[in-house]
């Protein structure tokens, strides 16, 4: 009985529009995360296959596309496997 009235209410319509926009933004961020994680894994697998398992364990923990982009750059420019390992697993200070 009240459903049509609620559907026509501008406040309800605005709330629903905000929810749709938020869901869309979350979907875009999640897609970007998936893509950058995949790129990072592919680069590691091609350049440093022995580090693939480390990268596979680390990438799901990363939830910021900017951080993943920096890692992609660092791995791409890594001179050797030791440098790449330190990028993926920074040494812990003693």
PDB file of N, CA and C in Angstrom:
ATOM      1  N   UNK A   1       0.827  -1.191   0.000  1.00  0.00           N
ATOM      2  CA  UNK A   1       0.000   0.000   0.000  1.00  0.00           C
ATOM      3  C   UNK A   1       0.873   1.257   0.000  1.00  0.00           C
ATOM      4  N   UNK A   2       1.952   1.260   0.799  1.00  0.00           N
ATOM      5  CA  UNK A   2       2.815   2.431   0.863  1.00  0.00           C
ATOM      6  C   UNK A   2       3.955   2.381  -0.151  1.00  0.00           C
ATOM      7  N   UNK A   3       4.189   1.221  -0.756  1.00  0.00           N
ATOM      8  CA  UNK A   3       5.303   1.079  -1.682  1.00  0.00           C
ATOM      9  C   UNK A   3       5.313   2.124  -2.798  1.00  0.00           C
ATOM     10  N   UNK A   4       4.198   2.361  -3.488  1.00  0.00           N
ATOM     11  CA  UNK A   4       4.228   3.380  -4.549  1.00  0.00           C
ATOM     12  C   UNK A   4       4.594   4.770  -4.006  1.00  0.00           C
ATOM     13  N   UNK A   5       4.126   5.092  -2.809  1.00  0.00           N
ATOM     14  CA  UNK A   5       4.464   6.390  -2.225  1.00  0.00           C
ATOM     15  C   UNK A   5       5.953   6.480  -1.918  1.00  0.00           C
ATOM     16  N   UNK A   6       6.500   5.406  -1.375  1.00  0.00           N
ATOM     17  CA  UNK A   6       7.928   5.389  -1.076  1.00  0.00           C
ATOM     18  C   UNK A   6       8.761   5.480  -2.353  1.00  0.00           C
ATOM     19  N   UNK A   7       8.333   4.768  -3.378  1.00  0.00           N
ATOM     20  CA  UNK A   7       9.071   4.780  -4.640  1.00  0.00           C
ATOM     21  C   UNK A   7       9.118   6.176  -5.252  1.00  0.00           C
ATOM     22  N   UNK A   8       8.111   6.966  -5.025  1.00  0.00           N
ATOM     23  CA  UNK A   8       8.044   8.304  -5.610  1.00  0.00           C
ATOM     24  C   UNK A   8       8.690   9.372  -4.735  1.00  0.00           C
ATOM     25  N   UNK A   9       9.019   9.026  -3.524  1.00  0.00           N
ATOM     26  CA  UNK A   9       9.611   9.992  -2.601  1.00  0.00           C
ATOM     27  C   UNK A   9      11.011  10.399  -3.086  1.00  0.00           C
ATOM     28  N   UNK A  10      11.279  11.697  -3.256  1.00  0.00           N
ATOM     29  CA  UNK A  10      12.589  12.150  -3.741  1.00  0.00           C
ATOM     30  C   UNK A  10      13.747  11.719  -2.835  1.00  0.00           C
ATOM     31  N   UNK A  11      13.521  11.697  -1.537  1.00  0.00           N
ATOM     32  CA  UNK A  11      14.574  11.304  -0.603  1.00  0.00           C
ATOM     33  C   UNK A  11      14.951   9.838  -0.812  1.00  0.00           C
ATOM     34  N   UNK A  12      13.951   8.980  -0.957  1.00  0.00           N
ATOM     35  CA  UNK A  12      14.181   7.547  -1.212  1.00  0.00           C
ATOM     36  C   UNK A  12      14.888   7.375  -2.555  1.00  0.00           C
ATOM     37  N   UNK A  13      14.467   8.106  -3.561  1.00  0.00           N
ATOM     38  CA  UNK A  13      15.096   8.015  -4.874  1.00  0.00           C
ATOM     39  C   UNK A  13      16.569   8.434  -4.799  1.00  0.00           C
ATOM     40  N   UNK A  14      16.860   9.468  -4.033  1.00  0.00           N
ATOM     41  CA  UNK A  14      18.241   9.931  -3.870  1.00  0.00           C
ATOM     42  C   UNK A  14      19.095   8.883  -3.155  1.00  0.00           C
ATOM     43  N   UNK A  15      18.539   8.281  -2.104  1.00  0.00           N
ATOM     44  CA  UNK A  15      19.255   7.217  -1.395  1.00  0.00           C
ATOM     45  C   UNK A  15      19.579   6.052  -2.324  1.00  0.00           C
ATOM     46  N   UNK A  16      18.642   5.669  -3.121  1.00  0.00           N
ATOM     47  CA  UNK A  16      18.860   4.554  -4.056  1.00  0.00           C
ATOM     48  C   UNK A  16      19.894   4.925  -5.110  1.00  0.00           C
ATOM     49  N   UNK A  17      19.866   6.159  -5.580  1.00  0.00           N
ATOM     50  CA  UNK A  17      20.857   6.602  -6.563  1.00  0.00           C
ATOM     51  C   UNK A  17      22.256   6.588  -5.949  1.00  0.00           C
ATOM     52  N   UNK A  18      22.358   7.014  -4.700  1.00  0.00           N
ATOM     53  CA  UNK A  18      23.652   6.994  -4.015  1.00  0.00           C
ATOM     54  C   UNK A  18      24.151   5.555  -3.843  1.00  0.00           C
ATOM     55  N   UNK A  19      23.247   4.646  -3.494  1.00  0.00           N
ATOM     56  CA  UNK A  19      23.627   3.236  -3.349  1.00  0.00           C
ATOM     57  C   UNK A  19      24.122   2.662  -4.674  1.00  0.00           C
ATOM     58  N   UNK A  20      23.443   2.998  -5.776  1.00  0.00           N
ATOM     59  CA  UNK A  20      23.864   2.504  -7.093  1.00  0.00           C
ATOM     60  C   UNK A  20      25.236   3.067  -7.462  1.00  0.00           C
ATOM     61  N   UNK A  21      25.446   4.355  -7.192  1.00  0.00           N
ATOM     62  CA  UNK A  21      26.732   4.978  -7.503  1.00  0.00           C
ATOM     63  C   UNK A  21      27.850   4.351  -6.673  1.00  0.00           C
ATOM     64  N   UNK A  22      27.583   4.108  -5.399  1.00  0.00           N
ATOM     65  CA  UNK A  22      28.589   3.501  -4.520  1.00  0.00           C
ATOM     66  C   UNK A  22      28.918   2.088  -5.001  1.00  0.00           C
ATOM     67  N   UNK A  23      27.911   1.322  -5.357  1.00  0.00           N
ATOM     68  CA  UNK A  23      28.136  -0.037  -5.854  1.00  0.00           C
ATOM     69  C   UNK A  23      28.960  -0.025  -7.137  1.00  0.00           C
ATOM     70  N   UNK A  24      28.672   0.923  -8.014  1.00  0.00           N
ATOM     71  CA  UNK A  24      29.411   1.055  -9.267  1.00  0.00           C
ATOM     72  C   UNK A  24      30.879   1.378  -8.988  1.00  0.00           C
ATOM     73  N   UNK A  25      31.124   2.328  -8.080  1.00  0.00           N
ATOM     74  CA  UNK A  25      32.498   2.705  -7.721  1.00  0.00           C
ATOM     75  C   UNK A  25      33.246   1.523  -7.108  1.00  0.00           C
ATOM     76  N   UNK A  26      32.581   0.792  -6.227  1.00  0.00           N
ATOM     77  CA  UNK A  26      33.214  -0.375  -5.612  1.00  0.00           C
ATOM     78  C   UNK A  26      33.558  -1.418  -6.671  1.00  0.00           C
ATOM     79  N   UNK A  27      32.685  -1.578  -7.641  1.00  0.00           N
ATOM     80  CA  UNK A  27      32.937  -2.522  -8.728  1.00  0.00           C
ATOM     81  C   UNK A  27      34.132  -2.107  -9.577  1.00  0.00           C
ATOM     82  N   UNK A  28      34.247  -0.820  -9.821  1.00  0.00           N
ATOM     83  CA  UNK A  28      35.373  -0.310 -10.604  1.00  0.00           C
ATOM     84  C   UNK A  28      36.676  -0.535  -9.852  1.00  0.00           C
ATOM     85  N   UNK A  29      36.692  -0.214  -8.561  1.00  0.00           N
ATOM     86  CA  UNK A  29      37.900  -0.410  -7.751  1.00  0.00           C
ATOM     87  C   UNK A  29      38.259  -1.884  -7.689  1.00  0.00           C
ATOM     88  N   UNK A  30      37.278  -2.744  -7.501  1.00  0.00           N
ATOM     89  CA  UNK A  30      37.547  -4.185  -7.443  1.00  0.00           C
ATOM     90  C   UNK A  30      38.101  -4.688  -8.774  1.00  0.00           C
ATOM     91  N   UNK A  31      37.564  -4.192  -9.870  1.00  0.00           N
ATOM     92  CA  UNK A  31      38.082  -4.572 -11.183  1.00  0.00           C
ATOM     93  C   UNK A  31      39.510  -4.103 -11.387  1.00  0.00           C
ATOM     94  N   UNK A  32      39.805  -2.888 -10.928  1.00  0.00           N
ATOM     95  CA  UNK A  32      41.165  -2.363 -11.034  1.00  0.00           C
ATOM     96  C   UNK A  32      42.131  -3.194 -10.182  1.00  0.00           C
ATOM     97  N   UNK A  33      41.690  -3.570  -8.989  1.00  0.00           N
ATOM     98  CA  UNK A  33      42.523  -4.417  -8.130  1.00  0.00           C
ATOM     99  C   UNK A  33      42.819  -5.752  -8.794  1.00  0.00           C
ATOM    100  N   UNK A  34      41.795  -6.373  -9.342  1.00  0.00           N
ATOM    101  CA  UNK A  34      41.974  -7.664 -10.016  1.00  0.00           C
ATOM    102  C   UNK A  34      42.971  -7.538 -11.162  1.00  0.00           C
ATOM    103  N   UNK A  35      42.822  -6.471 -11.942  1.00  0.00           N
ATOM    104  CA  UNK A  35      43.708  -6.277 -13.091  1.00  0.00           C
ATOM    105  C   UNK A  35      45.150  -6.044 -12.667  1.00  0.00           C
ATOM    106  N   UNK A  36      45.353  -5.166 -11.698  1.00  0.00           N
ATOM    107  CA  UNK A  36      46.723  -4.865 -11.293  1.00  0.00           C
ATOM    108  C   UNK A  36      47.366  -6.053 -10.584  1.00  0.00           C
ATOM    109  N   UNK A  37      46.580  -6.806  -9.833  1.00  0.00           N
ATOM    110  CA  UNK A  37      47.121  -8.032  -9.216  1.00  0.00           C
ATOM    111  C   UNK A  37      47.568  -9.013 -10.298  1.00  0.00           C
ATOM    112  N   UNK A  38      46.742  -9.158 -11.312  1.00  0.00           N
ATOM    113  CA  UNK A  38      47.055 -10.072 -12.404  1.00  0.00           C
ATOM    114  C   UNK A  38      48.315  -9.630 -13.147  1.00  0.00           C
ATOM    115  N   UNK A  39      48.441  -8.337 -13.382  1.00  0.00           N
ATOM    116  CA  UNK A  39      49.635  -7.815 -14.060  1.00  0.00           C
ATOM    117  C   UNK A  39      50.879  -8.108 -13.230  1.00  0.00           C
ATOM    118  N   UNK A  40      50.808  -7.820 -11.938  1.00  0.00           N
ATOM    119  CA  UNK A  40      51.945  -8.075 -11.058  1.00  0.00           C
ATOM    120  C   UNK A  40      52.337  -9.552 -11.086  1.00  0.00           C
ATOM    121  N   UNK A  41      51.363 -10.426 -10.947  1.00  0.00           N
ATOM    122  CA  UNK A  41      51.655 -11.869 -10.964  1.00  0.00           C
ATOM    123  C   UNK A  41      52.273 -12.302 -12.287  1.00  0.00           C
ATOM    124  N   UNK A  42      51.749 -11.792 -13.385  1.00  0.00           N
ATOM    125  CA  UNK A  42      52.282 -12.164 -14.693  1.00  0.00           C
ATOM    126  C   UNK A  42      53.731 -11.713 -14.856  1.00  0.00           C
ATOM    127  N   UNK A  43      54.036 -10.508 -14.419  1.00  0.00           N
ATOM    128  CA  UNK A  43      55.412 -10.012 -14.531  1.00  0.00           C
ATOM    129  C   UNK A  43      56.352 -10.872 -13.686  1.00  0.00           C
ATOM    130  N   UNK A  44      55.949 -11.154 -12.456  1.00  0.00           N
ATOM    131  CA  UNK A  44      56.797 -11.976 -11.583  1.00  0.00           C
ATOM    132  C   UNK A  44      56.994 -13.360 -12.196  1.00  0.00           C
ATOM    133  N   UNK A  45      55.928 -13.964 -12.684  1.00  0.00           N
ATOM    134  CA  UNK A  45      56.034 -15.309 -13.262  1.00  0.00           C
ATOM    135  C   UNK A  45      56.957 -15.337 -14.476  1.00  0.00           C
ATOM    136  N   UNK A  46      56.945 -14.288 -15.277  1.00  0.00           N
ATOM    137  CA  UNK A  46      57.790 -14.247 -16.477  1.00  0.00           C
ATOM    138  C   UNK A  46      59.241 -13.920 -16.140  1.00  0.00           C
ATOM    139  N   UNK A  47      59.457 -12.950 -15.257  1.00  0.00           N
ATOM    140  CA  UNK A  47      60.824 -12.508 -14.959  1.00  0.00           C
ATOM    141  C   UNK A  47      61.496 -13.352 -13.893  1.00  0.00           C
ATOM    142  N   UNK A  48      60.743 -13.730 -12.868  1.00  0.00           N
ATOM    143  CA  UNK A  48      61.317 -14.435 -11.721  1.00  0.00           C
ATOM    144  C   UNK A  48      60.395 -15.593 -11.311  1.00  0.00           C
ATOM    145  N   UNK A  49      60.353 -16.651 -12.109  1.00  0.00           N
ATOM    146  CA  UNK A  49      59.426 -17.754 -11.841  1.00  0.00           C
ATOM    147  C   UNK A  49      59.560 -18.350 -10.437  1.00  0.00           C
ATOM    148  N   UNK A  50      60.757 -18.337  -9.896  1.00  0.00           N
ATOM    149  CA  UNK A  50      60.950 -18.922  -8.561  1.00  0.00           C
ATOM    150  C   UNK A  50      60.277 -18.087  -7.464  1.00  0.00           C
ATOM    151  N   UNK A  51      59.897 -16.856  -7.781  1.00  0.00           N
ATOM    152  CA  UNK A  51      59.224 -15.986  -6.795  1.00  0.00           C
ATOM    153  C   UNK A  51      57.705 -15.974  -6.969  1.00  0.00           C
ATOM    154  N   UNK A  52      57.204 -16.770  -7.896  1.00  0.00           N
ATOM    155  CA  UNK A  52      55.767 -16.761  -8.186  1.00  0.00           C
ATOM    156  C   UNK A  52      54.924 -17.082  -6.963  1.00  0.00           C
ATOM    157  N   UNK A  53      55.344 -18.064  -6.177  1.00  0.00           N
ATOM    158  CA  UNK A  53      54.535 -18.440  -5.003  1.00  0.00           C
ATOM    159  C   UNK A  53      54.498 -17.308  -3.971  1.00  0.00           C
ATOM    160  N   UNK A  54      55.598 -16.589  -3.839  1.00  0.00           N
ATOM    161  CA  UNK A  54      55.621 -15.451  -2.911  1.00  0.00           C
ATOM    162  C   UNK A  54      54.652 -14.374  -3.405  1.00  0.00           C
ATOM    163  N   UNK A  55      54.706 -14.088  -4.697  1.00  0.00           N
ATOM    164  CA  UNK A  55      53.811 -13.081  -5.272  1.00  0.00           C
ATOM    165  C   UNK A  55      52.350 -13.513  -5.157  1.00  0.00           C
ATOM    166  N   UNK A  56      52.088 -14.790  -5.379  1.00  0.00           N
ATOM    167  CA  UNK A  56      50.710 -15.294  -5.272  1.00  0.00           C
ATOM    168  C   UNK A  56      50.179 -15.168  -3.849  1.00  0.00           C
ATOM    169  N   UNK A  57      51.046 -15.309  -2.876  1.00  0.00           N
ATOM    170  CA  UNK A  57      50.627 -15.172  -1.479  1.00  0.00           C
ATOM    171  C   UNK A  57      50.457 -13.705  -1.094  1.00  0.00           C
ATOM    172  N   UNK A  58      51.283 -12.843  -1.654  1.00  0.00           N
ATOM    173  CA  UNK A  58      51.290 -11.434  -1.256  1.00  0.00           C
ATOM    174  C   UNK A  58      50.186 -10.617  -1.920  1.00  0.00           C
ATOM    175  N   UNK A  59      49.939 -10.825  -3.201  1.00  0.00           N
ATOM    176  CA  UNK A  59      49.037  -9.943  -3.930  1.00  0.00           C
ATOM    177  C   UNK A  59      47.608  -9.890  -3.383  1.00  0.00           C
ATOM    178  N   UNK A  60      47.035 -10.996  -2.923  1.00  0.00           N
ATOM    179  CA  UNK A  60      45.665 -10.874  -2.386  1.00  0.00           C
ATOM    180  C   UNK A  60      45.583  -9.983  -1.137  1.00  0.00           C
ATOM    181  N   UNK A  61      46.700  -9.808  -0.455  1.00  0.00           N
ATOM    182  CA  UNK A  61      46.718  -8.980   0.753  1.00  0.00           C
ATOM    183  C   UNK A  61      46.723  -7.492   0.425  1.00  0.00           C
ATOM    184  N   UNK A  62      47.089  -7.153  -0.801  1.00  0.00           N
ATOM    185  CA  UNK A  62      47.203  -5.755  -1.195  1.00  0.00           C
ATOM    186  C   UNK A  62      45.868  -5.262  -1.727  1.00  0.00           C
ATOM    187  N   UNK A  63      45.381  -4.172  -1.143  1.00  0.00           N
ATOM    188  CA  UNK A  63      44.052  -3.697  -1.515  1.00  0.00           C
ATOM    189  C   UNK A  63      44.040  -2.264  -2.029  1.00  0.00           C
ATOM    190  N   UNK A  64      45.209  -1.758  -2.413  1.00  0.00           N
ATOM    191  CA  UNK A  64      45.291  -0.404  -2.955  1.00  0.00           C
ATOM    192  C   UNK A  64      45.956  -0.472  -4.329  1.00  0.00           C
ATOM    193  N   UNK A  65      45.231  -0.067  -5.377  1.00  0.00           N
ATOM    194  CA  UNK A  65      45.812  -0.110  -6.720  1.00  0.00           C
ATOM    195  C   UNK A  65      47.128   0.663  -6.835  1.00  0.00           C
ATOM    196  N   UNK A  66      47.261   1.769  -6.111  1.00  0.00           N
ATOM    197  CA  UNK A  66      48.499   2.559  -6.183  1.00  0.00           C
ATOM    198  C   UNK A  66      49.692   1.762  -5.646  1.00  0.00           C
ATOM    199  N   UNK A  67      49.488   1.012  -4.578  1.00  0.00           N
ATOM    200  CA  UNK A  67      50.562   0.190  -4.012  1.00  0.00           C
ATOM    201  C   UNK A  67      50.948  -0.905  -5.006  1.00  0.00           C
ATOM    202  N   UNK A  68      49.951  -1.517  -5.606  1.00  0.00           N
ATOM    203  CA  UNK A  68      50.225  -2.551  -6.607  1.00  0.00           C
ATOM    204  C   UNK A  68      50.976  -1.964  -7.799  1.00  0.00           C
ATOM    205  N   UNK A  69      50.623  -0.769  -8.216  1.00  0.00           N
ATOM    206  CA  UNK A  69      51.311  -0.124  -9.338  1.00  0.00           C
ATOM    207  C   UNK A  69      52.780   0.124  -9.024  1.00  0.00           C
ATOM    208  N   UNK A  70      53.073   0.542  -7.804  1.00  0.00           N
ATOM    209  CA  UNK A  70      54.464   0.749  -7.398  1.00  0.00           C
ATOM    210  C   UNK A  70      55.212  -0.584  -7.418  1.00  0.00           C
ATOM    211  N   UNK A  71      54.587  -1.631  -6.915  1.00  0.00           N
ATOM    212  CA  UNK A  71      55.228  -2.952  -6.938  1.00  0.00           C
ATOM    213  C   UNK A  71      55.487  -3.421  -8.371  1.00  0.00           C
ATOM    214  N   UNK A  72      54.532  -3.178  -9.246  1.00  0.00           N
ATOM    215  CA  UNK A  72      54.711  -3.540 -10.656  1.00  0.00           C
ATOM    216  C   UNK A  72      55.933  -2.826 -11.223  1.00  0.00           C
ATOM    217  N   UNK A  73      56.040  -1.549 -10.936  1.00  0.00           N
ATOM    218  CA  UNK A  73      57.179  -0.776 -11.420  1.00  0.00           C
ATOM    219  C   UNK A  73      58.486  -1.310 -10.840  1.00  0.00           C
ATOM    220  N   UNK A  74      58.501  -1.570  -9.539  1.00  0.00           N
ATOM    221  CA  UNK A  74      59.726  -2.049  -8.889  1.00  0.00           C
ATOM    222  C   UNK A  74      60.147  -3.422  -9.400  1.00  0.00           C
ATOM    223  N   UNK A  75      59.194  -4.307  -9.578  1.00  0.00           N
ATOM    224  CA  UNK A  75      59.502  -5.647 -10.085  1.00  0.00           C
ATOM    225  C   UNK A  75      59.973  -5.554 -11.539  1.00  0.00           C
ATOM    226  N   UNK A  76      59.352  -4.690 -12.302  1.00  0.00           N
ATOM    227  CA  UNK A  76      59.747  -4.527 -13.705  1.00  0.00           C
ATOM    228  C   UNK A  76      61.176  -4.025 -13.830  1.00  0.00           C
ATOM    229  N   UNK A  77      61.593  -3.194 -12.891  1.00  0.00           N
ATOM    230  CA  UNK A  77      62.927  -2.605 -12.945  1.00  0.00           C
ATOM    231  C   UNK A  77      63.967  -3.359 -12.118  1.00  0.00           C
ATOM    232  N   UNK A  78      63.551  -4.397 -11.416  1.00  0.00           N
ATOM    233  CA  UNK A  78      64.472  -5.145 -10.554  1.00  0.00           C
ATOM    234  C   UNK A  78      65.616  -5.722 -11.375  1.00  0.00           C
ATOM    235  N   UNK A  79      66.827  -5.501 -10.883  1.00  0.00           N
ATOM    236  CA  UNK A  79      68.023  -5.954 -11.599  1.00  0.00           C
ATOM    237  C   UNK A  79      68.197  -7.469 -11.551  1.00  0.00           C
ATOM    238  N   UNK A  80      67.773  -8.072 -10.447  1.00  0.00           N
ATOM    239  CA  UNK A  80      67.933  -9.517 -10.314  1.00  0.00           C
ATOM    240  C   UNK A  80      66.894 -10.060  -9.331  1.00  0.00           C
ATOM    241  N   UNK A  81      66.954 -11.362  -9.139  1.00  0.00           N
ATOM    242  CA  UNK A  81      65.968 -12.025  -8.289  1.00  0.00           C
ATOM    243  C   UNK A  81      66.038 -11.559  -6.835  1.00  0.00           C
ATOM    244  N   UNK A  82      67.220 -11.285  -6.326  1.00  0.00           N
ATOM    245  CA  UNK A  82      67.348 -10.828  -4.937  1.00  0.00           C
ATOM    246  C   UNK A  82      66.650  -9.486  -4.725  1.00  0.00           C
ATOM    247  N   UNK A  83      66.802  -8.595  -5.687  1.00  0.00           N
ATOM    248  CA  UNK A  83      66.126  -7.291  -5.595  1.00  0.00           C
ATOM    249  C   UNK A  83      64.616  -7.503  -5.632  1.00  0.00           C
ATOM    250  N   UNK A  84      64.162  -8.345  -6.544  1.00  0.00           N
ATOM    251  CA  UNK A  84      62.727  -8.623  -6.657  1.00  0.00           C
ATOM    252  C   UNK A  84      62.188  -9.254  -5.376  1.00  0.00           C
ATOM    253  N   UNK A  85      62.952 -10.167  -4.793  1.00  0.00           N
ATOM    254  CA  UNK A  85      62.530 -10.807  -3.538  1.00  0.00           C
ATOM    255  C   UNK A  85      62.372  -9.753  -2.432  1.00  0.00           C
ATOM    256  N   UNK A  86      63.324  -8.809  -2.366  1.00  0.00           N
ATOM    257  CA  UNK A  86      63.240  -7.750  -1.357  1.00  0.00           C
ATOM    258  C   UNK A  86      62.054  -6.823  -1.593  1.00  0.00           C
ATOM    259  N   UNK A  87      61.654  -6.681  -2.830  1.00  0.00           N
ATOM    260  CA  UNK A  87      60.456  -5.881  -3.129  1.00  0.00           C
ATOM    261  C   UNK A  87      59.218  -6.606  -2.623  1.00  0.00           C
ATOM    262  N   UNK A  88      59.163  -7.905  -2.875  1.00  0.00           N
ATOM    263  CA  UNK A  88      57.986  -8.690  -2.472  1.00  0.00           C
ATOM    264  C   UNK A  88      57.979  -8.991  -0.975  1.00  0.00           C
ATOM    265  N   UNK A  89      59.166  -9.204  -0.418  1.00  0.00           N
ATOM    266  CA  UNK A  89      59.298  -9.516   1.002  1.00  0.00           C
ATOM    267  C   UNK A  89      60.382  -8.623   1.607  1.00  0.00           C
ATOM    268  N   UNK A  90      60.029  -7.391   1.938  1.00  0.00           N
ATOM    269  CA  UNK A  90      61.060  -6.511   2.501  1.00  0.00           C
ATOM    270  C   UNK A  90      61.670  -7.141   3.747  1.00  0.00           C
ATOM    271  N   UNK A  91      62.999  -7.020   3.894  1.00  0.00           N
ATOM    272  CA  UNK A  91      63.638  -7.583   5.083  1.00  0.00           C
ATOM    273  C   UNK A  91      63.107  -6.912   6.346  1.00  0.00           C
ATOM    274  N   UNK A  92      62.922  -7.706   7.369  1.00  0.00           N
ATOM    275  CA  UNK A  92      62.442  -7.133   8.637  1.00  0.00           C
ATOM    276  C   UNK A  92      63.622  -6.600   9.413  1.00  0.00           C
ATOM    277  N   UNK A  93      63.472  -5.396   9.984  1.00  0.00           N
ATOM    278  CA  UNK A  93      64.579  -4.844  10.766  1.00  0.00           C
ATOM    279  C   UNK A  93      64.826  -5.682  12.016  1.00  0.00           C
ATOM    280  N   UNK A  94      66.089  -5.868  12.372  1.00  0.00           N
ATOM    281  CA  UNK A  94      66.396  -6.667  13.556  1.00  0.00           C
ATOM    282  C   UNK A  94      66.514  -5.812  14.783  1.00  0.00           C
TER     283      UNK A  94
END
